[in-house]
Amino acid sequence: DEWVINGRKWFTSNGLHASWALVMCRTEDTDGDGGDNDKMTQIIVPTDT
């Protein structure tokens, strides 16, 4: 499995010193109930990618 993340950076703190970043992404509703919380995913991304 892999993810393709498209978008823009909103906020990064001490990003020059980190080896990874925790990215909050808006994703599709997985269970179909329409809840706003189901549309957010956190992904750990290496900063050298």
C-alpha atoms as a PDB file:
ATOM      1  CA  ASP A   1       0.000   0.000   0.000  1.00  0.00           C
ATOM      2  CA  GLU A   2       1.113   3.550  -0.631  1.00  0.00           C
ATOM      3  CA  TRP A   3      -0.315   7.049  -0.370  1.00  0.00           C
ATOM      4  CA  VAL A   4       0.046   9.992  -2.722  1.00  0.00           C
ATOM      5  CA  ILE A   5      -0.179  13.277  -0.823  1.00  0.00           C
ATOM      6  CA  ASN A   6      -1.017  16.448  -2.751  1.00  0.00           C
ATOM      7  CA  GLY A   7      -1.460  19.846  -1.182  1.00  0.00           C
ATOM      8  CA  ARG A   8       0.419  22.640   0.513  1.00  0.00           C
ATOM      9  CA  LYS A   9       2.361  22.993   3.734  1.00  0.00           C
ATOM     10  CA  TRP A  10       0.394  24.897   6.356  1.00  0.00           C
ATOM     11  CA  PHE A  11       2.670  24.762   9.408  1.00  0.00           C
ATOM     12  CA  THR A  12       6.033  23.178  10.244  1.00  0.00           C
ATOM     13  CA  SER A  13       7.907  23.708  13.505  1.00  0.00           C
ATOM     14  CA  ASN A  14      11.673  22.921  13.581  1.00  0.00           C
ATOM     15  CA  GLY A  15      11.289  21.112  10.268  1.00  0.00           C
ATOM     16  CA  LEU A  16      14.976  21.532   9.396  1.00  0.00           C
ATOM     17  CA  HIS A  17      16.017  19.351  12.329  1.00  0.00           C
ATOM     18  CA  ALA A  18      13.473  16.538  12.004  1.00  0.00           C
ATOM     19  CA  SER A  19      13.973  13.205  10.233  1.00  0.00           C
ATOM     20  CA  TRP A  20      10.200  12.739   9.819  1.00  0.00           C
ATOM     21  CA  ALA A  21       7.017  14.815   9.820  1.00  0.00           C
ATOM     22  CA  LEU A  22       3.542  13.959  11.041  1.00  0.00           C
ATOM     23  CA  VAL A  23       1.229  15.023   8.215  1.00  0.00           C
ATOM     24  CA  MET A  24      -2.495  15.608   8.803  1.00  0.00           C
ATOM     25  CA  CYS A  25      -4.356  14.862   5.560  1.00  0.00           C
ATOM     26  CA  ARG A  26      -7.960  15.238   4.520  1.00  0.00           C
ATOM     27  CA  THR A  27      -9.034  11.874   3.073  1.00  0.00           C
ATOM     28  CA  GLU A  28     -12.183  10.176   1.854  1.00  0.00           C
ATOM     29  CA  ASP A  29     -14.910   9.078   4.275  1.00  0.00           C
ATOM     30  CA  THR A  30     -14.091   5.371   4.784  1.00  0.00           C
ATOM     31  CA  ASP A  31     -17.271   4.095   6.415  1.00  0.00           C
ATOM     32  CA  GLY A  32     -19.827   6.293   4.688  1.00  0.00           C
ATOM     33  CA  ASP A  33     -21.391   7.864   7.796  1.00  0.00           C
ATOM     34  CA  GLY A  34     -20.323  11.361   6.733  1.00  0.00           C
ATOM     35  CA  GLY A  35     -18.602  12.246  10.004  1.00  0.00           C
ATOM     36  CA  ASP A  36     -15.913  14.930   9.761  1.00  0.00           C
ATOM     37  CA  ASN A  37     -13.451  12.925  11.889  1.00  0.00           C
ATOM     38  CA  ASP A  38     -13.506  10.057   9.395  1.00  0.00           C
ATOM     39  CA  LYS A  39     -12.072  12.359   6.737  1.00  0.00           C
ATOM     40  CA  MET A  40      -8.745  13.061   8.488  1.00  0.00           C
ATOM     41  CA  THR A  41      -5.667  10.814   8.471  1.00  0.00           C
ATOM     42  CA  GLN A  42      -2.256  11.254  10.110  1.00  0.00           C
ATOM     43  CA  ILE A  43       0.708   9.918   8.121  1.00  0.00           C
ATOM     44  CA  ILE A  44       4.362   9.833   9.189  1.00  0.00           C
ATOM     45  CA  VAL A  45       6.489  11.045   6.261  1.00  0.00           C
ATOM     46  CA  PRO A  46      10.307  10.943   6.141  1.00  0.00           C
ATOM     47  CA  THR A  47      11.596  14.471   5.506  1.00  0.00           C
ATOM     48  CA  ASP A  48      14.036  13.258   2.830  1.00  0.00           C
ATOM     49  CA  THR A  49      11.216  12.189   0.475  1.00  0.00           C
END
